[in-house]
Amino acid sequence: RVSASNLSDANVVSGRGVAWSNVHRPESCPQTAAIADVEVNKKTGKVT
């Protein structure tokens, strides 16, 4: 789905993001990819 396409007015919202990399010296380091699931409390500003 397109990011930020399911926004909510709730105080606590959740989302997921992706990133990947072979930035650091690919001749000696691996390829990596990650997905993160987060929760954001809009009132407190805390990201979990």
ModelCIF file with pLDDT and N, C-alpha, C, O atoms, coordinates in Angstrom:
data_MODEL
#
_entry.id   MODEL 
#
_entity.id                         1 
_entity.type                       polymer 
_entity.pdbx_number_of_molecules   1 
#
_entity_poly.entity_id                      1 
_entity_poly.type                           'polypeptide(L)' 
_entity_poly.nstd_linkage                   no 
_entity_poly.nstd_monomer                   no 
_entity_poly.pdbx_seq_one_letter_code       RVSASNLSDANVVSGRGVAWSNVHRPESCPQTAAIADVEVNKKTGKVT 
_entity_poly.pdbx_seq_one_letter_code_can   RVSASNLSDANVVSGRGVAWSNVHRPESCPQTAAIADVEVNKKTGKVT 
_entity_poly.pdbx_strand_id                 A 
#
loop_
_entity_poly_seq.entity_id 
_entity_poly_seq.num 
_entity_poly_seq.mon_id 
_entity_poly_seq.hetero 
1 1  ARG n 
1 2  VAL n 
1 3  SER n 
1 4  ALA n 
1 5  SER n 
1 6  ASN n 
1 7  LEU n 
1 8  SER n 
1 9  ASP n 
1 10 ALA n 
1 11 ASN n 
1 12 VAL n 
1 13 VAL n 
1 14 SER n 
1 15 GLY n 
1 16 ARG n 
1 17 GLY n 
1 18 VAL n 
1 19 ALA n 
1 20 TRP n 
1 21 SER n 
1 22 ASN n 
1 23 VAL n 
1 24 HIS n 
1 25 ARG n 
1 26 PRO n 
1 27 GLU n 
1 28 SER n 
1 29 CYS n 
1 30 PRO n 
1 31 GLN n 
1 32 THR n 
1 33 ALA n 
1 34 ALA n 
1 35 ILE n 
1 36 ALA n 
1 37 ASP n 
1 38 VAL n 
1 39 GLU n 
1 40 VAL n 
1 41 ASN n 
1 42 LYS n 
1 43 LYS n 
1 44 THR n 
1 45 GLY n 
1 46 LYS n 
1 47 VAL n 
1 48 THR n 
#
_struct_asym.id          A 
_struct_asym.entity_id   1 
#
loop_
_ma_qa_metric.id 
_ma_qa_metric.mode 
_ma_qa_metric.name 
_ma_qa_metric.software_group_id 
_ma_qa_metric.type 
1 global pLDDT . pLDDT 
2 local  pLDDT . pLDDT 
#
_ma_qa_metric_global.metric_id      1 
_ma_qa_metric_global.metric_value   92.62 
_ma_qa_metric_global.model_id       1 
_ma_qa_metric_global.ordinal_id     1 
#
loop_
_ma_qa_metric_local.label_asym_id 
_ma_qa_metric_local.label_comp_id 
_ma_qa_metric_local.label_seq_id 
_ma_qa_metric_local.metric_id 
_ma_qa_metric_local.metric_value 
_ma_qa_metric_local.model_id 
_ma_qa_metric_local.ordinal_id 
A ARG 1  2 97.00 1 1  
A VAL 2  2 98.00 1 2  
A SER 3  2 98.00 1 3  
A ALA 4  2 97.00 1 4  
A SER 5  2 97.00 1 5  
A ASN 6  2 95.00 1 6  
A LEU 7  2 96.00 1 7  
A SER 8  2 95.00 1 8  
A ASP 9  2 95.00 1 9  
A ALA 10 2 97.00 1 10 
A ASN 11 2 97.00 1 11 
A VAL 12 2 98.00 1 12 
A VAL 13 2 98.00 1 13 
A SER 14 2 98.00 1 14 
A GLY 15 2 98.00 1 15 
A ARG 16 2 98.00 1 16 
A GLY 17 2 98.00 1 17 
A VAL 18 2 98.00 1 18 
A ALA 19 2 98.00 1 19 
A TRP 20 2 95.00 1 20 
A SER 21 2 91.00 1 21 
A ASN 22 2 86.00 1 22 
A VAL 23 2 79.00 1 23 
A HIS 24 2 73.00 1 24 
A ARG 25 2 64.00 1 25 
A PRO 26 2 61.00 1 26 
A GLU 27 2 63.00 1 27 
A SER 28 2 72.00 1 28 
A CYS 29 2 80.00 1 29 
A PRO 30 2 88.00 1 30 
A GLN 31 2 91.00 1 31 
A THR 32 2 95.00 1 32 
A ALA 33 2 97.00 1 33 
A ALA 34 2 98.00 1 34 
A ILE 35 2 98.00 1 35 
A ALA 36 2 98.00 1 36 
A ASP 37 2 98.00 1 37 
A VAL 38 2 98.00 1 38 
A GLU 39 2 98.00 1 39 
A VAL 40 2 98.00 1 40 
A ASN 41 2 98.00 1 41 
A LYS 42 2 97.00 1 42 
A LYS 43 2 97.00 1 43 
A THR 44 2 97.00 1 44 
A GLY 45 2 97.00 1 45 
A LYS 46 2 97.00 1 46 
A VAL 47 2 98.00 1 47 
A THR 48 2 98.00 1 48 
#
loop_
_atom_site.group_PDB 
_atom_site.id 
_atom_site.type_symbol 
_atom_site.label_atom_id 
_atom_site.label_alt_id 
_atom_site.label_comp_id 
_atom_site.label_asym_id 
_atom_site.label_entity_id 
_atom_site.label_seq_id 
_atom_site.pdbx_PDB_ins_code 
_atom_site.Cartn_x 
_atom_site.Cartn_y 
_atom_site.Cartn_z 
_atom_site.occupancy 
_atom_site.B_iso_or_equiv 
_atom_site.pdbx_formal_charge 
_atom_site.auth_seq_id 
_atom_site.auth_comp_id 
_atom_site.auth_asym_id 
_atom_site.auth_atom_id 
_atom_site.pdbx_PDB_model_num 
ATOM 1   N N  . ARG A 1 1  ? 0.859  -1.190 0.000  1.00 97.00 ? 1  ARG A N  1 
ATOM 2   C CA . ARG A 1 1  ? 0.000  0.000  0.000  1.00 97.00 ? 1  ARG A CA 1 
ATOM 3   C C  . ARG A 1 1  ? 0.887  1.228  0.000  1.00 97.00 ? 1  ARG A C  1 
ATOM 4   O O  . ARG A 1 1  ? 2.082  1.136  0.282  1.00 97.00 ? 1  ARG A O  1 
ATOM 5   N N  . VAL A 1 2  ? 0.320  2.360  -0.309 1.00 98.00 ? 2  VAL A N  1 
ATOM 6   C CA . VAL A 1 2  ? 1.050  3.624  -0.271 1.00 98.00 ? 2  VAL A CA 1 
ATOM 7   C C  . VAL A 1 2  ? 1.222  4.051  1.187  1.00 98.00 ? 2  VAL A C  1 
ATOM 8   O O  . VAL A 1 2  ? 0.273  3.976  1.967  1.00 98.00 ? 2  VAL A O  1 
ATOM 9   N N  . SER A 1 3  ? 2.411  4.494  1.559  1.00 98.00 ? 3  SER A N  1 
ATOM 10  C CA . SER A 1 3  ? 2.648  4.932  2.931  1.00 98.00 ? 3  SER A CA 1 
ATOM 11  C C  . SER A 1 3  ? 1.718  6.078  3.304  1.00 98.00 ? 3  SER A C  1 
ATOM 12  O O  . SER A 1 3  ? 1.341  6.891  2.461  1.00 98.00 ? 3  SER A O  1 
ATOM 13  N N  . ALA A 1 4  ? 1.357  6.127  4.577  1.00 97.00 ? 4  ALA A N  1 
ATOM 14  C CA . ALA A 1 4  ? 0.509  7.187  5.132  1.00 97.00 ? 4  ALA A CA 1 
ATOM 15  C C  . ALA A 1 4  ? -0.848 7.263  4.443  1.00 97.00 ? 4  ALA A C  1 
ATOM 16  O O  . ALA A 1 4  ? -1.453 8.333  4.372  1.00 97.00 ? 4  ALA A O  1 
ATOM 17  N N  . SER A 1 5  ? -1.328 6.127  3.934  1.00 97.00 ? 5  SER A N  1 
ATOM 18  C CA . SER A 1 5  ? -2.623 6.100  3.257  1.00 97.00 ? 5  SER A CA 1 
ATOM 19  C C  . SER A 1 5  ? -3.744 5.617  4.174  1.00 97.00 ? 5  SER A C  1 
ATOM 20  O O  . SER A 1 5  ? -4.892 5.484  3.749  1.00 97.00 ? 5  SER A O  1 
ATOM 21  N N  . ASN A 1 6  ? -3.401 5.358  5.426  1.00 95.00 ? 6  ASN A N  1 
ATOM 22  C CA . ASN A 1 6  ? -4.398 4.879  6.376  1.00 95.00 ? 6  ASN A CA 1 
ATOM 23  C C  . ASN A 1 6  ? -4.262 5.648  7.688  1.00 95.00 ? 6  ASN A C  1 
ATOM 24  O O  . ASN A 1 6  ? -4.179 5.050  8.761  1.00 95.00 ? 6  ASN A O  1 
ATOM 25  N N  . LEU A 1 7  ? -4.239 6.970  7.596  1.00 96.00 ? 7  LEU A N  1 
ATOM 26  C CA . LEU A 1 7  ? -4.025 7.809  8.772  1.00 96.00 ? 7  LEU A CA 1 
ATOM 27  C C  . LEU A 1 7  ? -5.260 7.813  9.665  1.00 96.00 ? 7  LEU A C  1 
ATOM 28  O O  . LEU A 1 7  ? -6.386 7.620  9.205  1.00 96.00 ? 7  LEU A O  1 
ATOM 29  N N  . SER A 1 8  ? -5.018 8.038  10.955 1.00 95.00 ? 8  SER A N  1 
ATOM 30  C CA . SER A 1 8  ? -6.088 7.998  11.939 1.00 95.00 ? 8  SER A CA 1 
ATOM 31  C C  . SER A 1 8  ? -6.030 9.233  12.829 1.00 95.00 ? 8  SER A C  1 
ATOM 32  O O  . SER A 1 8  ? -4.960 9.801  13.049 1.00 95.00 ? 8  SER A O  1 
ATOM 33  N N  . ASP A 1 9  ? -7.186 9.643  13.338 1.00 95.00 ? 9  ASP A N  1 
ATOM 34  C CA . ASP A 1 9  ? -7.262 10.751 14.288 1.00 95.00 ? 9  ASP A CA 1 
ATOM 35  C C  . ASP A 1 9  ? -7.041 10.285 15.720 1.00 95.00 ? 9  ASP A C  1 
ATOM 36  O O  . ASP A 1 9  ? -7.087 11.093 16.648 1.00 95.00 ? 9  ASP A O  1 
ATOM 37  N N  . ALA A 1 10 ? -6.806 9.010  15.906 1.00 97.00 ? 10 ALA A N  1 
ATOM 38  C CA . ALA A 1 10 ? -6.606 8.472  17.251 1.00 97.00 ? 10 ALA A CA 1 
ATOM 39  C C  . ALA A 1 10 ? -5.370 9.086  17.902 1.00 97.00 ? 10 ALA A C  1 
ATOM 40  O O  . ALA A 1 10 ? -4.484 9.591  17.212 1.00 97.00 ? 10 ALA A O  1 
ATOM 41  N N  . ASN A 1 11 ? -5.315 9.041  19.216 1.00 97.00 ? 11 ASN A N  1 
ATOM 42  C CA . ASN A 1 11 ? -4.167 9.585  19.944 1.00 97.00 ? 11 ASN A CA 1 
ATOM 43  C C  . ASN A 1 11 ? -2.931 8.717  19.761 1.00 97.00 ? 11 ASN A C  1 
ATOM 44  O O  . ASN A 1 11 ? -1.816 9.229  19.657 1.00 97.00 ? 11 ASN A O  1 
ATOM 45  N N  . VAL A 1 12 ? -3.130 7.401  19.721 1.00 98.00 ? 12 VAL A N  1 
ATOM 46  C CA . VAL A 1 12 ? -2.028 6.464  19.510 1.00 98.00 ? 12 VAL A CA 1 
ATOM 47  C C  . VAL A 1 12 ? -2.207 5.813  18.148 1.00 98.00 ? 12 VAL A C  1 
ATOM 48  O O  . VAL A 1 12 ? -3.227 5.176  17.885 1.00 98.00 ? 12 VAL A O  1 
ATOM 49  N N  . VAL A 1 13 ? -1.214 5.976  17.286 1.00 98.00 ? 13 VAL A N  1 
ATOM 50  C CA . VAL A 1 13 ? -1.296 5.463  15.916 1.00 98.00 ? 13 VAL A CA 1 
ATOM 51  C C  . VAL A 1 13 ? -0.111 4.554  15.633 1.00 98.00 ? 13 VAL A C  1 
ATOM 52  O O  . VAL A 1 13 ? 0.919  4.630  16.302 1.00 98.00 ? 13 VAL A O  1 
ATOM 53  N N  . SER A 1 14 ? -0.264 3.708  14.653 1.00 98.00 ? 14 SER A N  1 
ATOM 54  C CA . SER A 1 14 ? 0.799  2.766  14.318 1.00 98.00 ? 14 SER A CA 1 
ATOM 55  C C  . SER A 1 14 ? 1.130  2.842  12.837 1.00 98.00 ? 14 SER A C  1 
ATOM 56  O O  . SER A 1 14 ? 0.316  3.274  12.021 1.00 98.00 ? 14 SER A O  1 
ATOM 57  N N  . GLY A 1 15 ? 2.339  2.413  12.508 1.00 98.00 ? 15 GLY A N  1 
ATOM 58  C CA . GLY A 1 15 ? 2.778  2.407  11.117 1.00 98.00 ? 15 GLY A CA 1 
ATOM 59  C C  . GLY A 1 15 ? 3.939  1.458  10.936 1.00 98.00 ? 15 GLY A C  1 
ATOM 60  O O  . GLY A 1 15 ? 4.517  0.979  11.911 1.00 98.00 ? 15 GLY A O  1 
ATOM 61  N N  . ARG A 1 16 ? 4.282  1.186  9.691  1.00 98.00 ? 16 ARG A N  1 
ATOM 62  C CA . ARG A 1 16 ? 5.446  0.357  9.415  1.00 98.00 ? 16 ARG A CA 1 
ATOM 63  C C  . ARG A 1 16 ? 6.238  0.952  8.253  1.00 98.00 ? 16 ARG A C  1 
ATOM 64  O O  . ARG A 1 16 ? 5.687  1.555  7.332  1.00 98.00 ? 16 ARG A O  1 
ATOM 65  N N  . GLY A 1 17 ? 7.537  0.758  8.337  1.00 98.00 ? 17 GLY A N  1 
ATOM 66  C CA . GLY A 1 17 ? 8.423  1.318  7.324  1.00 98.00 ? 17 GLY A CA 1 
ATOM 67  C C  . GLY A 1 17 ? 9.494  0.328  6.926  1.00 98.00 ? 17 GLY A C  1 
ATOM 68  O O  . GLY A 1 17 ? 9.784  -0.620 7.656  1.00 98.00 ? 17 GLY A O  1 
ATOM 69  N N  . VAL A 1 18 ? 10.081 0.554  5.758  1.00 98.00 ? 18 VAL A N  1 
ATOM 70  C CA . VAL A 1 18 ? 11.087 -0.344 5.221  1.00 98.00 ? 18 VAL A CA 1 
ATOM 71  C C  . VAL A 1 18 ? 12.332 0.449  4.851  1.00 98.00 ? 18 VAL A C  1 
ATOM 72  O O  . VAL A 1 18 ? 12.251 1.627  4.503  1.00 98.00 ? 18 VAL A O  1 
ATOM 73  N N  . ALA A 1 19 ? 13.471 -0.201 4.929  1.00 98.00 ? 19 ALA A N  1 
ATOM 74  C CA . ALA A 1 19 ? 14.739 0.364  4.443  1.00 98.00 ? 19 ALA A CA 1 
ATOM 75  C C  . ALA A 1 19 ? 15.650 -0.805 4.097  1.00 98.00 ? 19 ALA A C  1 
ATOM 76  O O  . ALA A 1 19 ? 15.489 -1.906 4.623  1.00 98.00 ? 19 ALA A O  1 
ATOM 77  N N  . TRP A 1 20 ? 16.597 -0.559 3.217  1.00 95.00 ? 20 TRP A N  1 
ATOM 78  C CA . TRP A 1 20 ? 17.596 -1.576 2.926  1.00 95.00 ? 20 TRP A CA 1 
ATOM 79  C C  . TRP A 1 20 ? 18.925 -0.907 2.648  1.00 95.00 ? 20 TRP A C  1 
ATOM 80  O O  . TRP A 1 20 ? 19.001 0.315  2.522  1.00 95.00 ? 20 TRP A O  1 
ATOM 81  N N  . SER A 1 21 ? 19.983 -1.721 2.553  1.00 91.00 ? 21 SER A N  1 
ATOM 82  C CA . SER A 1 21 ? 21.295 -1.100 2.360  1.00 91.00 ? 21 SER A CA 1 
ATOM 83  C C  . SER A 1 21 ? 22.346 -2.114 1.943  1.00 91.00 ? 21 SER A C  1 
ATOM 84  O O  . SER A 1 21 ? 22.322 -3.271 2.361  1.00 91.00 ? 21 SER A O  1 
ATOM 85  N N  . ASN A 1 22 ? 23.265 -1.654 1.112  1.00 86.00 ? 22 ASN A N  1 
ATOM 86  C CA . ASN A 1 22 ? 24.588 -2.257 0.977  1.00 86.00 ? 22 ASN A CA 1 
ATOM 87  C C  . ASN A 1 22 ? 25.611 -1.125 0.926  1.00 86.00 ? 22 ASN A C  1 
ATOM 88  O O  . ASN A 1 22 ? 26.586 -1.165 0.175  1.00 86.00 ? 22 ASN A O  1 
ATOM 89  N N  . VAL A 1 23 ? 25.346 -0.103 1.764  1.00 79.00 ? 23 VAL A N  1 
ATOM 90  C CA . VAL A 1 23 ? 26.157 1.111  1.756  1.00 79.00 ? 23 VAL A CA 1 
ATOM 91  C C  . VAL A 1 23 ? 27.579 0.848  2.231  1.00 79.00 ? 23 VAL A C  1 
ATOM 92  O O  . VAL A 1 23 ? 28.530 1.396  1.673  1.00 79.00 ? 23 VAL A O  1 
ATOM 93  N N  . HIS A 1 24 ? 27.731 0.018  3.254  1.00 73.00 ? 24 HIS A N  1 
ATOM 94  C CA . HIS A 1 24 ? 29.049 -0.084 3.893  1.00 73.00 ? 24 HIS A CA 1 
ATOM 95  C C  . HIS A 1 24 ? 29.887 -1.218 3.321  1.00 73.00 ? 24 HIS A C  1 
ATOM 96  O O  . HIS A 1 24 ? 29.646 -2.387 3.624  1.00 73.00 ? 24 HIS A O  1 
ATOM 97  N N  . ARG A 1 25 ? 30.864 -0.878 2.500  1.00 64.00 ? 25 ARG A N  1 
ATOM 98  C CA . ARG A 1 25 ? 31.881 -1.802 2.022  1.00 64.00 ? 25 ARG A CA 1 
ATOM 99  C C  . ARG A 1 25 ? 31.315 -3.155 1.592  1.00 64.00 ? 25 ARG A C  1 
ATOM 100 O O  . ARG A 1 25 ? 31.492 -4.150 2.294  1.00 64.00 ? 25 ARG A O  1 
ATOM 101 N N  . PRO A 1 26 ? 30.652 -3.198 0.468  1.00 61.00 ? 26 PRO A N  1 
ATOM 102 C CA . PRO A 1 26 ? 29.998 -4.441 0.049  1.00 61.00 ? 26 PRO A CA 1 
ATOM 103 C C  . PRO A 1 26 ? 30.965 -5.575 -0.223 1.00 61.00 ? 26 PRO A C  1 
ATOM 104 O O  . PRO A 1 26 ? 30.562 -6.738 -0.267 1.00 61.00 ? 26 PRO A O  1 
ATOM 105 N N  . GLU A 1 27 ? 32.253 -5.248 -0.410 1.00 63.00 ? 27 GLU A N  1 
ATOM 106 C CA . GLU A 1 27 ? 33.204 -6.331 -0.637 1.00 63.00 ? 27 GLU A CA 1 
ATOM 107 C C  . GLU A 1 27 ? 33.459 -7.127 0.637  1.00 63.00 ? 27 GLU A C  1 
ATOM 108 O O  . GLU A 1 27 ? 33.988 -8.236 0.570  1.00 63.00 ? 27 GLU A O  1 
ATOM 109 N N  . SER A 1 28 ? 33.093 -6.585 1.794  1.00 72.00 ? 28 SER A N  1 
ATOM 110 C CA . SER A 1 28 ? 33.333 -7.307 3.040  1.00 72.00 ? 28 SER A CA 1 
ATOM 111 C C  . SER A 1 28 ? 32.131 -7.334 3.966  1.00 72.00 ? 28 SER A C  1 
ATOM 112 O O  . SER A 1 28 ? 32.209 -7.901 5.056  1.00 72.00 ? 28 SER A O  1 
ATOM 113 N N  . CYS A 1 29 ? 31.025 -6.735 3.557  1.00 80.00 ? 29 CYS A N  1 
ATOM 114 C CA . CYS A 1 29 ? 29.834 -6.676 4.398  1.00 80.00 ? 29 CYS A CA 1 
ATOM 115 C C  . CYS A 1 29 ? 28.610 -7.151 3.633  1.00 80.00 ? 29 CYS A C  1 
ATOM 116 O O  . CYS A 1 29 ? 28.617 -7.170 2.403  1.00 80.00 ? 29 CYS A O  1 
ATOM 117 N N  . PRO A 1 30 ? 27.558 -7.535 4.350  1.00 88.00 ? 30 PRO A N  1 
ATOM 118 C CA . PRO A 1 30 ? 26.397 -8.156 3.703  1.00 88.00 ? 30 PRO A CA 1 
ATOM 119 C C  . PRO A 1 30 ? 25.384 -7.152 3.185  1.00 88.00 ? 30 PRO A C  1 
ATOM 120 O O  . PRO A 1 30 ? 25.491 -5.948 3.421  1.00 88.00 ? 30 PRO A O  1 
ATOM 121 N N  . GLN A 1 31 ? 24.397 -7.681 2.473  1.00 91.00 ? 31 GLN A N  1 
ATOM 122 C CA . GLN A 1 31 ? 23.231 -6.904 2.062  1.00 91.00 ? 31 GLN A CA 1 
ATOM 123 C C  . GLN A 1 31 ? 22.179 -7.057 3.161  1.00 91.00 ? 31 GLN A C  1 
ATOM 124 O O  . GLN A 1 31 ? 22.043 -8.133 3.742  1.00 91.00 ? 31 GLN A O  1 
ATOM 125 N N  . THR A 1 32 ? 21.437 -5.991 3.447  1.00 95.00 ? 32 THR A N  1 
ATOM 126 C CA . THR A 1 32 ? 20.472 -6.039 4.531  1.00 95.00 ? 32 THR A CA 1 
ATOM 127 C C  . THR A 1 32 ? 19.178 -5.345 4.122  1.00 95.00 ? 32 THR A C  1 
ATOM 128 O O  . THR A 1 32 ? 19.174 -4.455 3.272  1.00 95.00 ? 32 THR A O  1 
ATOM 129 N N  . ALA A 1 33 ? 18.082 -5.768 4.741  1.00 97.00 ? 33 ALA A N  1 
ATOM 130 C CA . ALA A 1 33 ? 16.793 -5.108 4.585  1.00 97.00 ? 33 ALA A CA 1 
ATOM 131 C C  . ALA A 1 33 ? 16.047 -5.231 5.906  1.00 97.00 ? 33 ALA A C  1 
ATOM 132 O O  . ALA A 1 33 ? 16.170 -6.239 6.603  1.00 97.00 ? 33 ALA A O  1 
ATOM 133 N N  . ALA A 1 34 ? 15.272 -4.202 6.252  1.00 98.00 ? 34 ALA A N  1 
ATOM 134 C CA . ALA A 1 34 ? 14.569 -4.204 7.537  1.00 98.00 ? 34 ALA A CA 1 
ATOM 135 C C  . ALA A 1 34 ? 13.186 -3.590 7.392  1.00 98.00 ? 34 ALA A C  1 
ATOM 136 O O  . ALA A 1 34 ? 12.967 -2.693 6.578  1.00 98.00 ? 34 ALA A O  1 
ATOM 137 N N  . ILE A 1 35 ? 12.265 -4.090 8.194  1.00 98.00 ? 35 ILE A N  1 
ATOM 138 C CA . ILE A 1 35 ? 10.925 -3.522 8.328  1.00 98.00 ? 35 ILE A CA 1 
ATOM 139 C C  . ILE A 1 35 ? 10.692 -3.244 9.801  1.00 98.00 ? 35 ILE A C  1 
ATOM 140 O O  . ILE A 1 35 ? 10.924 -4.107 10.648 1.00 98.00 ? 35 ILE A O  1 
ATOM 141 N N  . ALA A 1 36 ? 10.233 -2.038 10.107 1.00 98.00 ? 36 ALA A N  1 
ATOM 142 C CA . ALA A 1 36 ? 9.979  -1.638 11.486 1.00 98.00 ? 36 ALA A CA 1 
ATOM 143 C C  . ALA A 1 36 ? 8.501  -1.350 11.685 1.00 98.00 ? 36 ALA A C  1 
ATOM 144 O O  . ALA A 1 36 ? 7.870  -0.688 10.862 1.00 98.00 ? 36 ALA A O  1 
ATOM 145 N N  . ASP A 1 37 ? 7.959  -1.850 12.777 1.00 98.00 ? 37 ASP A N  1 
ATOM 146 C CA . ASP A 1 37 ? 6.597  -1.538 13.201 1.00 98.00 ? 37 ASP A CA 1 
ATOM 147 C C  . ASP A 1 37 ? 6.673  -0.620 14.412 1.00 98.00 ? 37 ASP A C  1 
ATOM 148 O O  . ASP A 1 37 ? 7.292  -0.964 15.419 1.00 98.00 ? 37 ASP A O  1 
ATOM 149 N N  . VAL A 1 38 ? 6.041  0.556  14.316 1.00 98.00 ? 38 VAL A N  1 
ATOM 150 C CA . VAL A 1 38 ? 6.130  1.520  15.400 1.00 98.00 ? 38 VAL A CA 1 
ATOM 151 C C  . VAL A 1 38 ? 4.749  1.945  15.871 1.00 98.00 ? 38 VAL A C  1 
ATOM 152 O O  . VAL A 1 38 ? 3.740  1.773  15.187 1.00 98.00 ? 38 VAL A O  1 
ATOM 153 N N  . GLU A 1 39 ? 4.754  2.504  17.063 1.00 98.00 ? 39 GLU A N  1 
ATOM 154 C CA . GLU A 1 39 ? 3.554  3.095  17.659 1.00 98.00 ? 39 GLU A CA 1 
ATOM 155 C C  . GLU A 1 39 ? 3.911  4.498  18.110 1.00 98.00 ? 39 GLU A C  1 
ATOM 156 O O  . GLU A 1 39 ? 4.940  4.695  18.756 1.00 98.00 ? 39 GLU A O  1 
ATOM 157 N N  . VAL A 1 40 ? 3.076  5.479  17.781 1.00 98.00 ? 40 VAL A N  1 
ATOM 158 C CA . VAL A 1 40 ? 3.345  6.877  18.113 1.00 98.00 ? 40 VAL A CA 1 
ATOM 159 C C  . VAL A 1 40 ? 2.205  7.407  18.981 1.00 98.00 ? 40 VAL A C  1 
ATOM 160 O O  . VAL A 1 40 ? 1.036  7.346  18.601 1.00 98.00 ? 40 VAL A O  1 
ATOM 161 N N  . ASN A 1 41 ? 2.568  7.927  20.150 1.00 98.00 ? 41 ASN A N  1 
ATOM 162 C CA . ASN A 1 41 ? 1.605  8.601  21.008 1.00 98.00 ? 41 ASN A CA 1 
ATOM 163 C C  . ASN A 1 41 ? 1.663  10.086 20.684 1.00 98.00 ? 41 ASN A C  1 
ATOM 164 O O  . ASN A 1 41 ? 2.632  10.758 21.037 1.00 98.00 ? 41 ASN A O  1 
ATOM 165 N N  . LYS A 1 42 ? 0.650  10.600 20.023 1.00 97.00 ? 42 LYS A N  1 
ATOM 166 C CA . LYS A 1 42 ? 0.679  11.993 19.576 1.00 97.00 ? 42 LYS A CA 1 
ATOM 167 C C  . LYS A 1 42 ? 0.695  12.971 20.748 1.00 97.00 ? 42 LYS A C  1 
ATOM 168 O O  . LYS A 1 42 ? 1.270  14.054 20.646 1.00 97.00 ? 42 LYS A O  1 
ATOM 169 N N  . LYS A 1 43 ? 0.072  12.596 21.850 1.00 97.00 ? 43 LYS A N  1 
ATOM 170 C CA . LYS A 1 43 ? -0.009 13.498 22.993 1.00 97.00 ? 43 LYS A CA 1 
ATOM 171 C C  . LYS A 1 43 ? 1.330  13.629 23.708 1.00 97.00 ? 43 LYS A C  1 
ATOM 172 O O  . LYS A 1 43 ? 1.752  14.736 24.042 1.00 97.00 ? 43 LYS A O  1 
ATOM 173 N N  . THR A 1 44 ? 1.995  12.508 23.943 1.00 97.00 ? 44 THR A N  1 
ATOM 174 C CA . THR A 1 44 ? 3.268  12.538 24.668 1.00 97.00 ? 44 THR A CA 1 
ATOM 175 C C  . THR A 1 44 ? 4.466  12.683 23.747 1.00 97.00 ? 44 THR A C  1 
ATOM 176 O O  . THR A 1 44 ? 5.532  13.112 24.188 1.00 97.00 ? 44 THR A O  1 
ATOM 177 N N  . GLY A 1 45 ? 4.311  12.334 22.476 1.00 97.00 ? 45 GLY A N  1 
ATOM 178 C CA . GLY A 1 45 ? 5.427  12.362 21.540 1.00 97.00 ? 45 GLY A CA 1 
ATOM 179 C C  . GLY A 1 45 ? 6.309  11.136 21.610 1.00 97.00 ? 45 GLY A C  1 
ATOM 180 O O  . GLY A 1 45 ? 7.336  11.079 20.934 1.00 97.00 ? 45 GLY A O  1 
ATOM 181 N N  . LYS A 1 46 ? 5.937  10.161 22.404 1.00 97.00 ? 46 LYS A N  1 
ATOM 182 C CA . LYS A 1 46 ? 6.763  8.967  22.549 1.00 97.00 ? 46 LYS A CA 1 
ATOM 183 C C  . LYS A 1 46 ? 6.591  8.042  21.354 1.00 97.00 ? 46 LYS A C  1 
ATOM 184 O O  . LYS A 1 46 ? 5.472  7.732  20.944 1.00 97.00 ? 46 LYS A O  1 
ATOM 185 N N  . VAL A 1 47 ? 7.715  7.610  20.804 1.00 98.00 ? 47 VAL A N  1 
ATOM 186 C CA . VAL A 1 47 ? 7.727  6.626  19.722 1.00 98.00 ? 47 VAL A CA 1 
ATOM 187 C C  . VAL A 1 47 ? 8.178  5.294  20.310 1.00 98.00 ? 47 VAL A C  1 
ATOM 188 O O  . VAL A 1 47 ? 9.238  5.208  20.930 1.00 98.00 ? 47 VAL A O  1 
ATOM 189 N N  . THR A 1 48 ? 7.385  4.280  20.116 1.00 98.00 ? 48 THR A N  1 
ATOM 190 C CA . THR A 1 48 ? 7.730  2.938  20.593 1.00 98.00 ? 48 THR A CA 1 
ATOM 191 C C  . THR A 1 48 ? 7.888  2.017  19.390 1.00 98.00 ? 48 THR A C  1 
ATOM 192 O O  . THR A 1 48 ? 8.179  0.832  19.553 1.00 98.00 ? 48 THR A O  1 
#
